Amino acid sequence: MLPELLLLFLLLLLLGIFHGINPGMGWLFAVSLGLQEQRRAAVWSALLPLALGHALAIGVTLLAVGIIGLVISFEILKWFVAAILVVFGIYKLIRNRHPRYGGMQVNFRQLTTWSFLMASAHGAGLMILPFLFKGMNTGTAMSAHMQSHKSTIMIEQATILSNLPKEPLIGLFVILVHTLGYLLIMGIVAVLVYEKFGLRLLKSAWFNIDLIWSAVLILSGVLIPII
């Protein structure tokens, strides 16, 4: 089961990288602030509130799904979330608009709020849900595995596994790993664009990334029921 956990960790990092590459998810704002103030420090200072807002959007989505899961079964919840993902992905394909919040003179709180709204509008939290369900399934399988080896040499490993996140902490694990990948790639891209490429890069990149984003939302919805 541990290889499955490592695979989940890697996939969450990759999805975080995918989110971080999208200019509409934060690095464009960081670059704009840097160009406005003519200093790299402005780019760096924007990264933490952007990452915090992104993580909060993921957390709110997972919390909402967790609350809904208290009143309906896990299987029904998966189909419910899958339908939302597919519908939202199709909606993003048809009507691709970005919310606006505030001007360029923003403080930490305002930038965090902007990031939260952008991540929510893009369905970033919804895209995380397949990984949450996979983590829950992996955690359940680990518990069953431990019960069948209590009287063997696997007792030591079972003790380790018993300390792994249960359902409430799996969500936190998902958020932290995903945000790590998001923050890492967002910082790299923001600095590279600010230092080397400039905003000319967006002329060919923005529209294509939005199309890919919508397609991934739909694909995530298709995959959820078969996890």
C-alpha atoms as a PDB file:
ATOM      1  CA  MET A   1       0.000   0.000   0.000  1.00  0.00           C
ATOM      2  CA  LEU A   2       2.892   2.346   0.561  1.00  0.00           C
ATOM      3  CA  PRO A   3       3.691   2.514  -3.193  1.00  0.00           C
ATOM      4  CA  GLU A   4       0.098   3.672  -3.726  1.00  0.00           C
ATOM      5  CA  LEU A   5       0.609   6.422  -1.159  1.00  0.00           C
ATOM      6  CA  LEU A   6       3.815   7.520  -2.890  1.00  0.00           C
ATOM      7  CA  LEU A   7       2.007   7.531  -6.242  1.00  0.00           C
ATOM      8  CA  LEU A   8      -0.742   9.669  -4.727  1.00  0.00           C
ATOM      9  CA  PHE A   9       1.909  12.067  -3.393  1.00  0.00           C
ATOM     10  CA  LEU A  10       3.495  12.357  -6.849  1.00  0.00           C
ATOM     11  CA  LEU A  11       0.177  12.893  -8.626  1.00  0.00           C
ATOM     12  CA  LEU A  12      -0.803  15.619  -6.173  1.00  0.00           C
ATOM     13  CA  LEU A  13       2.513  17.376  -6.802  1.00  0.00           C
ATOM     14  CA  LEU A  14       1.989  17.133 -10.558  1.00  0.00           C
ATOM     15  CA  LEU A  15      -1.527  18.543 -10.299  1.00  0.00           C
ATOM     16  CA  GLY A  16      -0.147  21.377  -8.170  1.00  0.00           C
ATOM     17  CA  ILE A  17       2.418  22.052 -10.899  1.00  0.00           C
ATOM     18  CA  PHE A  18      -0.371  22.027 -13.497  1.00  0.00           C
ATOM     19  CA  HIS A  19      -2.344  24.577 -11.467  1.00  0.00           C
ATOM     20  CA  GLY A  20       0.749  26.719 -10.917  1.00  0.00           C
ATOM     21  CA  ILE A  21       1.513  26.906 -14.644  1.00  0.00           C
ATOM     22  CA  ASN A  22      -1.856  28.508 -15.406  1.00  0.00           C
ATOM     23  CA  PRO A  23      -1.326  32.306 -15.519  1.00  0.00           C
ATOM     24  CA  GLY A  24      -4.881  32.806 -14.291  1.00  0.00           C
ATOM     25  CA  MET A  25      -4.027  31.069 -11.015  1.00  0.00           C
ATOM     26  CA  GLY A  26      -1.536  33.620  -9.708  1.00  0.00           C
ATOM     27  CA  TRP A  27       1.855  34.000 -11.348  1.00  0.00           C
ATOM     28  CA  LEU A  28       0.526  36.567 -13.840  1.00  0.00           C
ATOM     29  CA  PHE A  29      -0.526  38.754 -10.915  1.00  0.00           C
ATOM     30  CA  ALA A  30       2.875  38.311  -9.255  1.00  0.00           C
ATOM     31  CA  VAL A  31       4.687  39.281 -12.463  1.00  0.00           C
ATOM     32  CA  SER A  32       2.408  42.285 -12.948  1.00  0.00           C
ATOM     33  CA  LEU A  33       3.180  43.498  -9.438  1.00  0.00           C
ATOM     34  CA  GLY A  34       6.897  43.064 -10.091  1.00  0.00           C
ATOM     35  CA  LEU A  35       6.748  44.998 -13.345  1.00  0.00           C
ATOM     36  CA  GLN A  36       4.694  47.737 -11.728  1.00  0.00           C
ATOM     37  CA  GLU A  37       7.131  48.194  -8.845  1.00  0.00           C
ATOM     38  CA  GLN A  38      10.207  47.386 -10.975  1.00  0.00           C
ATOM     39  CA  ARG A  39      11.657  44.976  -8.429  1.00  0.00           C
ATOM     40  CA  ARG A  40      11.891  41.204  -8.080  1.00  0.00           C
ATOM     41  CA  ALA A  41      11.027  41.347  -4.376  1.00  0.00           C
ATOM     42  CA  ALA A  42       7.468  42.325  -5.299  1.00  0.00           C
ATOM     43  CA  VAL A  43       7.165  39.072  -7.259  1.00  0.00           C
ATOM     44  CA  TRP A  44       8.428  36.986  -4.329  1.00  0.00           C
ATOM     45  CA  SER A  45       6.228  38.761  -1.779  1.00  0.00           C
ATOM     46  CA  ALA A  46       3.101  37.905  -3.771  1.00  0.00           C
ATOM     47  CA  LEU A  47       3.728  34.143  -3.783  1.00  0.00           C
ATOM     48  CA  LEU A  48       2.770  33.332  -0.169  1.00  0.00           C
ATOM     49  CA  PRO A  49      -0.684  35.022  -0.171  1.00  0.00           C
ATOM     50  CA  LEU A  50      -1.376  33.496  -3.603  1.00  0.00           C
ATOM     51  CA  ALA A  51      -0.531  30.028  -2.276  1.00  0.00           C
ATOM     52  CA  LEU A  52      -2.592  30.614   0.868  1.00  0.00           C
ATOM     53  CA  GLY A  53      -5.643  31.672  -1.112  1.00  0.00           C
ATOM     54  CA  HIS A  54      -5.268  28.653  -3.378  1.00  0.00           C
ATOM     55  CA  ALA A  55      -5.006  26.292  -0.382  1.00  0.00           C
ATOM     56  CA  LEU A  56      -8.066  27.877   1.249  1.00  0.00           C
ATOM     57  CA  ALA A  57     -10.113  27.354  -1.913  1.00  0.00           C
ATOM     58  CA  ILE A  58      -9.099  23.682  -1.934  1.00  0.00           C
ATOM     59  CA  GLY A  59      -9.873  23.368   1.769  1.00  0.00           C
ATOM     60  CA  VAL A  60     -13.331  24.924   1.492  1.00  0.00           C
ATOM     61  CA  THR A  61     -14.211  22.537  -1.327  1.00  0.00           C
ATOM     62  CA  LEU A  62     -13.013  19.485   0.594  1.00  0.00           C
ATOM     63  CA  LEU A  63     -14.853  20.642   3.729  1.00  0.00           C
ATOM     64  CA  ALA A  64     -18.089  21.079   1.785  1.00  0.00           C
ATOM     65  CA  VAL A  65     -17.742  17.613   0.292  1.00  0.00           C
ATOM     66  CA  GLY A  66     -16.989  16.186   3.744  1.00  0.00           C
ATOM     67  CA  ILE A  67     -20.144  17.733   5.203  1.00  0.00           C
ATOM     68  CA  ILE A  68     -22.256  16.410   2.328  1.00  0.00           C
ATOM     69  CA  GLY A  69     -20.654  13.003   2.864  1.00  0.00           C
ATOM     70  CA  LEU A  70     -22.142  12.890   6.377  1.00  0.00           C
ATOM     71  CA  VAL A  71     -25.655  12.557   4.986  1.00  0.00           C
ATOM     72  CA  ILE A  72     -25.122  10.445   1.850  1.00  0.00           C
ATOM     73  CA  SER A  73     -23.092   7.324   1.135  1.00  0.00           C
ATOM     74  CA  PHE A  74     -19.560   7.438  -0.221  1.00  0.00           C
ATOM     75  CA  GLU A  75     -20.590   5.861  -3.539  1.00  0.00           C
ATOM     76  CA  ILE A  76     -23.391   8.366  -4.096  1.00  0.00           C
ATOM     77  CA  LEU A  77     -21.023  11.189  -3.136  1.00  0.00           C
ATOM     78  CA  LYS A  78     -18.522  10.097  -5.795  1.00  0.00           C
ATOM     79  CA  TRP A  79     -21.175  10.160  -8.520  1.00  0.00           C
ATOM     80  CA  PHE A  80     -22.446  13.515  -7.273  1.00  0.00           C
ATOM     81  CA  VAL A  81     -18.962  15.052  -7.405  1.00  0.00           C
ATOM     82  CA  ALA A  82     -18.256  13.436 -10.788  1.00  0.00           C
ATOM     83  CA  ALA A  83     -21.378  15.076 -12.233  1.00  0.00           C
ATOM     84  CA  ILE A  84     -20.353  18.476 -10.825  1.00  0.00           C
ATOM     85  CA  LEU A  85     -16.878  18.164 -12.354  1.00  0.00           C
ATOM     86  CA  VAL A  86     -18.176  17.240 -15.810  1.00  0.00           C
ATOM     87  CA  VAL A  87     -20.825  19.972 -15.810  1.00  0.00           C
ATOM     88  CA  PHE A  88     -18.371  22.584 -14.518  1.00  0.00           C
ATOM     89  CA  GLY A  89     -15.749  21.543 -17.102  1.00  0.00           C
ATOM     90  CA  ILE A  90     -18.273  21.898 -19.921  1.00  0.00           C
ATOM     91  CA  TYR A  91     -19.359  25.263 -18.510  1.00  0.00           C
ATOM     92  CA  LYS A  92     -15.738  26.461 -18.508  1.00  0.00           C
ATOM     93  CA  LEU A  93     -15.387  25.387 -22.151  1.00  0.00           C
ATOM     94  CA  ILE A  94     -18.477  27.332 -23.169  1.00  0.00           C
ATOM     95  CA  ARG A  95     -18.064  30.404 -21.006  1.00  0.00           C
ATOM     96  CA  ASN A  96     -14.472  31.051 -20.054  1.00  0.00           C
ATOM     97  CA  ARG A  97     -14.405  34.253 -17.994  1.00  0.00           C
ATOM     98  CA  HIS A  98     -12.062  35.291 -15.194  1.00  0.00           C
ATOM     99  CA  PRO A  99     -13.368  37.102 -12.096  1.00  0.00           C
ATOM    100  CA  ARG A 100     -11.827  40.427 -11.201  1.00  0.00           C
ATOM    101  CA  TYR A 101     -11.118  41.641  -7.690  1.00  0.00           C
ATOM    102  CA  GLY A 102      -9.488  44.890  -6.697  1.00  0.00           C
ATOM    103  CA  GLY A 103      -6.741  46.830  -8.438  1.00  0.00           C
ATOM    104  CA  MET A 104      -2.992  46.451  -8.494  1.00  0.00           C
ATOM    105  CA  GLN A 105      -2.491  48.146  -5.136  1.00  0.00           C
ATOM    106  CA  VAL A 106      -3.233  45.159  -2.945  1.00  0.00           C
ATOM    107  CA  ASN A 107      -2.191  44.017   0.504  1.00  0.00           C
ATOM    108  CA  PHE A 108      -1.681  40.468   1.821  1.00  0.00           C
ATOM    109  CA  ARG A 109      -5.366  39.939   2.659  1.00  0.00           C
ATOM    110  CA  GLN A 110      -6.605  41.273  -0.670  1.00  0.00           C
ATOM    111  CA  LEU A 111      -4.173  39.161  -2.645  1.00  0.00           C
ATOM    112  CA  THR A 112      -5.160  36.069  -0.657  1.00  0.00           C
ATOM    113  CA  THR A 113      -8.827  36.808  -1.355  1.00  0.00           C
ATOM    114  CA  TRP A 114      -8.107  37.289  -5.060  1.00  0.00           C
ATOM    115  CA  SER A 115      -6.296  33.943  -5.209  1.00  0.00           C
ATOM    116  CA  PHE A 116      -9.131  32.238  -3.335  1.00  0.00           C
ATOM    117  CA  LEU A 117     -11.701  33.593  -5.794  1.00  0.00           C
ATOM    118  CA  MET A 118      -9.643  32.653  -8.842  1.00  0.00           C
ATOM    119  CA  ALA A 119      -8.971  29.109  -7.633  1.00  0.00           C
ATOM    120  CA  SER A 120     -12.640  28.676  -6.753  1.00  0.00           C
ATOM    121  CA  ALA A 121     -13.808  30.055 -10.103  1.00  0.00           C
ATOM    122  CA  HIS A 122     -11.448  27.710 -11.953  1.00  0.00           C
ATOM    123  CA  GLY A 123     -12.676  24.667 -10.036  1.00  0.00           C
ATOM    124  CA  ALA A 124      -9.254  23.920  -8.565  1.00  0.00           C
ATOM    125  CA  GLY A 125     -10.801  22.369  -5.462  1.00  0.00           C
ATOM    126  CA  LEU A 126     -13.092  20.171  -7.533  1.00  0.00           C
ATOM    127  CA  MET A 127     -10.126  18.862  -9.472  1.00  0.00           C
ATOM    128  CA  ILE A 128      -8.529  17.693  -6.218  1.00  0.00           C
ATOM    129  CA  LEU A 129     -11.481  15.486  -5.229  1.00  0.00           C
ATOM    130  CA  PRO A 130     -10.422  12.362  -7.188  1.00  0.00           C
ATOM    131  CA  PHE A 131      -7.175  12.379  -5.198  1.00  0.00           C
ATOM    132  CA  LEU A 132      -9.057  12.771  -1.918  1.00  0.00           C
ATOM    133  CA  PHE A 133     -11.230   9.766  -2.729  1.00  0.00           C
ATOM    134  CA  LYS A 134      -8.162   7.789  -3.756  1.00  0.00           C
ATOM    135  CA  GLY A 135      -6.481   8.687  -0.478  1.00  0.00           C
ATOM    136  CA  MET A 136      -9.538   7.564   1.471  1.00  0.00           C
ATOM    137  CA  ASN A 137      -9.580   4.238  -0.379  1.00  0.00           C
ATOM    138  CA  THR A 138      -5.864   3.764   0.246  1.00  0.00           C
ATOM    139  CA  GLY A 139      -6.308   4.531   3.941  1.00  0.00           C
ATOM    140  CA  THR A 140      -9.139   2.007   4.203  1.00  0.00           C
ATOM    141  CA  ALA A 141      -7.076  -0.669   2.464  1.00  0.00           C
ATOM    142  CA  MET A 142      -4.179   0.003   4.816  1.00  0.00           C
ATOM    143  CA  SER A 143      -6.404  -0.489   7.851  1.00  0.00           C
ATOM    144  CA  ALA A 144      -7.650  -3.821   6.500  1.00  0.00           C
ATOM    145  CA  HIS A 145      -4.097  -4.876   5.746  1.00  0.00           C
ATOM    146  CA  MET A 146      -3.005  -4.148   9.304  1.00  0.00           C
ATOM    147  CA  GLN A 147      -5.839  -6.156  10.827  1.00  0.00           C
ATOM    148  CA  SER A 148      -4.776  -9.265   8.928  1.00  0.00           C
ATOM    149  CA  HIS A 149      -1.140  -9.127  10.121  1.00  0.00           C
ATOM    150  CA  LYS A 150      -1.376  -8.239  13.817  1.00  0.00           C
ATOM    151  CA  SER A 151       0.240 -11.468  14.982  1.00  0.00           C
ATOM    152  CA  THR A 152       3.088 -11.498  12.478  1.00  0.00           C
ATOM    153  CA  ILE A 153       6.321  -9.678  11.892  1.00  0.00           C
ATOM    154  CA  MET A 154       4.167  -6.969  10.192  1.00  0.00           C
ATOM    155  CA  ILE A 155       3.204  -5.652  13.650  1.00  0.00           C
ATOM    156  CA  GLU A 156       5.924  -3.030  13.487  1.00  0.00           C
ATOM    157  CA  GLN A 157       4.800  -1.870  10.054  1.00  0.00           C
ATOM    158  CA  ALA A 158       1.185  -1.899  11.214  1.00  0.00           C
ATOM    159  CA  THR A 159       2.125   0.431  14.058  1.00  0.00           C
ATOM    160  CA  ILE A 160       3.623   2.854  11.548  1.00  0.00           C
ATOM    161  CA  LEU A 161       0.647   2.618   9.231  1.00  0.00           C
ATOM    162  CA  SER A 162      -1.793   3.181  12.062  1.00  0.00           C
ATOM    163  CA  ASN A 163      -0.330   6.658  12.465  1.00  0.00           C
ATOM    164  CA  LEU A 164      -1.037   7.605   8.855  1.00  0.00           C
ATOM    165  CA  PRO A 165      -3.786  10.174   8.210  1.00  0.00           C
ATOM    166  CA  LYS A 166      -7.366   9.023   8.643  1.00  0.00           C
ATOM    167  CA  GLU A 167     -10.194  10.710   6.743  1.00  0.00           C
ATOM    168  CA  PRO A 168     -10.035  14.148   8.466  1.00  0.00           C
ATOM    169  CA  LEU A 169      -6.259  14.376   8.006  1.00  0.00           C
ATOM    170  CA  ILE A 170      -6.186  12.963   4.492  1.00  0.00           C
ATOM    171  CA  GLY A 171      -7.728  16.225   3.313  1.00  0.00           C
ATOM    172  CA  LEU A 172      -4.958  18.196   5.009  1.00  0.00           C
ATOM    173  CA  PHE A 173      -2.338  15.934   3.438  1.00  0.00           C
ATOM    174  CA  VAL A 174      -3.913  16.476   0.006  1.00  0.00           C
ATOM    175  CA  ILE A 175      -3.976  20.261   0.460  1.00  0.00           C
ATOM    176  CA  LEU A 176      -0.378  20.547   1.693  1.00  0.00           C
ATOM    177  CA  VAL A 177       1.176  18.343  -0.992  1.00  0.00           C
ATOM    178  CA  HIS A 178      -0.813  19.954  -3.785  1.00  0.00           C
ATOM    179  CA  THR A 179      -0.037  23.491  -2.575  1.00  0.00           C
ATOM    180  CA  LEU A 180       3.659  22.625  -2.379  1.00  0.00           C
ATOM    181  CA  GLY A 181       3.713  21.736  -6.081  1.00  0.00           C
ATOM    182  CA  TYR A 182       1.630  24.799  -6.921  1.00  0.00           C
ATOM    183  CA  LEU A 183       3.856  27.204  -4.997  1.00  0.00           C
ATOM    184  CA  LEU A 184       7.076  25.716  -6.372  1.00  0.00           C
ATOM    185  CA  ILE A 185       6.178  25.958 -10.044  1.00  0.00           C
ATOM    186  CA  MET A 186       4.355  29.295  -9.651  1.00  0.00           C
ATOM    187  CA  GLY A 187       7.477  30.843  -8.127  1.00  0.00           C
ATOM    188  CA  ILE A 188       9.740  29.463 -10.857  1.00  0.00           C
ATOM    189  CA  VAL A 189       7.465  30.582 -13.688  1.00  0.00           C
ATOM    190  CA  ALA A 190       6.849  34.033 -12.179  1.00  0.00           C
ATOM    191  CA  VAL A 191      10.561  34.780 -11.824  1.00  0.00           C
ATOM    192  CA  LEU A 192      11.408  33.401 -15.284  1.00  0.00           C
ATOM    193  CA  VAL A 193       8.681  35.442 -16.950  1.00  0.00           C
ATOM    194  CA  TYR A 194       9.640  38.565 -15.003  1.00  0.00           C
ATOM    195  CA  GLU A 195      13.360  38.202 -15.721  1.00  0.00           C
ATOM    196  CA  LYS A 196      13.464  36.667 -19.197  1.00  0.00           C
ATOM    197  CA  PHE A 197      10.259  36.430 -21.213  1.00  0.00           C
ATOM    198  CA  GLY A 198       7.914  39.226 -20.183  1.00  0.00           C
ATOM    199  CA  LEU A 199       4.175  39.263 -20.740  1.00  0.00           C
ATOM    200  CA  ARG A 200       4.568  38.476 -24.469  1.00  0.00           C
ATOM    201  CA  LEU A 201       4.491  34.797 -23.463  1.00  0.00           C
ATOM    202  CA  LEU A 202       0.768  35.025 -22.707  1.00  0.00           C
ATOM    203  CA  LYS A 203      -0.224  35.804 -26.293  1.00  0.00           C
ATOM    204  CA  SER A 204       0.078  32.132 -27.202  1.00  0.00           C
ATOM    205  CA  ALA A 205      -0.173  30.410 -23.816  1.00  0.00           C
ATOM    206  CA  TRP A 206      -3.300  31.676 -22.043  1.00  0.00           C
ATOM    207  CA  PHE A 207      -6.066  30.324 -24.295  1.00  0.00           C
ATOM    208  CA  ASN A 208      -4.493  26.886 -24.731  1.00  0.00           C
ATOM    209  CA  ILE A 209      -4.052  26.448 -20.987  1.00  0.00           C
ATOM    210  CA  ASP A 210      -7.707  27.304 -20.374  1.00  0.00           C
ATOM    211  CA  LEU A 211      -8.762  24.630 -22.866  1.00  0.00           C
ATOM    212  CA  ILE A 212      -6.556  22.047 -21.157  1.00  0.00           C
ATOM    213  CA  TRP A 213      -7.923  23.123 -17.780  1.00  0.00           C
ATOM    214  CA  SER A 214     -11.508  22.477 -18.850  1.00  0.00           C
ATOM    215  CA  ALA A 215     -10.573  19.120 -20.363  1.00  0.00           C
ATOM    216  CA  VAL A 216      -8.872  18.024 -17.125  1.00  0.00           C
ATOM    217  CA  LEU A 217     -11.964  18.980 -15.119  1.00  0.00           C
ATOM    218  CA  ILE A 218     -14.108  16.779 -17.350  1.00  0.00           C
ATOM    219  CA  LEU A 219     -11.561  13.932 -17.245  1.00  0.00           C
ATOM    220  CA  SER A 220     -11.444  14.127 -13.442  1.00  0.00           C
ATOM    221  CA  GLY A 221     -15.210  13.730 -13.334  1.00  0.00           C
ATOM    222  CA  VAL A 222     -15.061  10.695 -15.607  1.00  0.00           C
ATOM    223  CA  LEU A 223     -12.354   9.051 -13.473  1.00  0.00           C
ATOM    224  CA  ILE A 224     -13.949   9.540 -10.033  1.00  0.00           C
ATOM    225  CA  PRO A 225     -16.569   6.724 -10.294  1.00  0.00           C
ATOM    226  CA  ILE A 226     -13.935   4.149 -11.286  1.00  0.00           C
ATOM    227  CA  ILE A 227     -11.435   4.908  -8.497  1.00  0.00           C
END
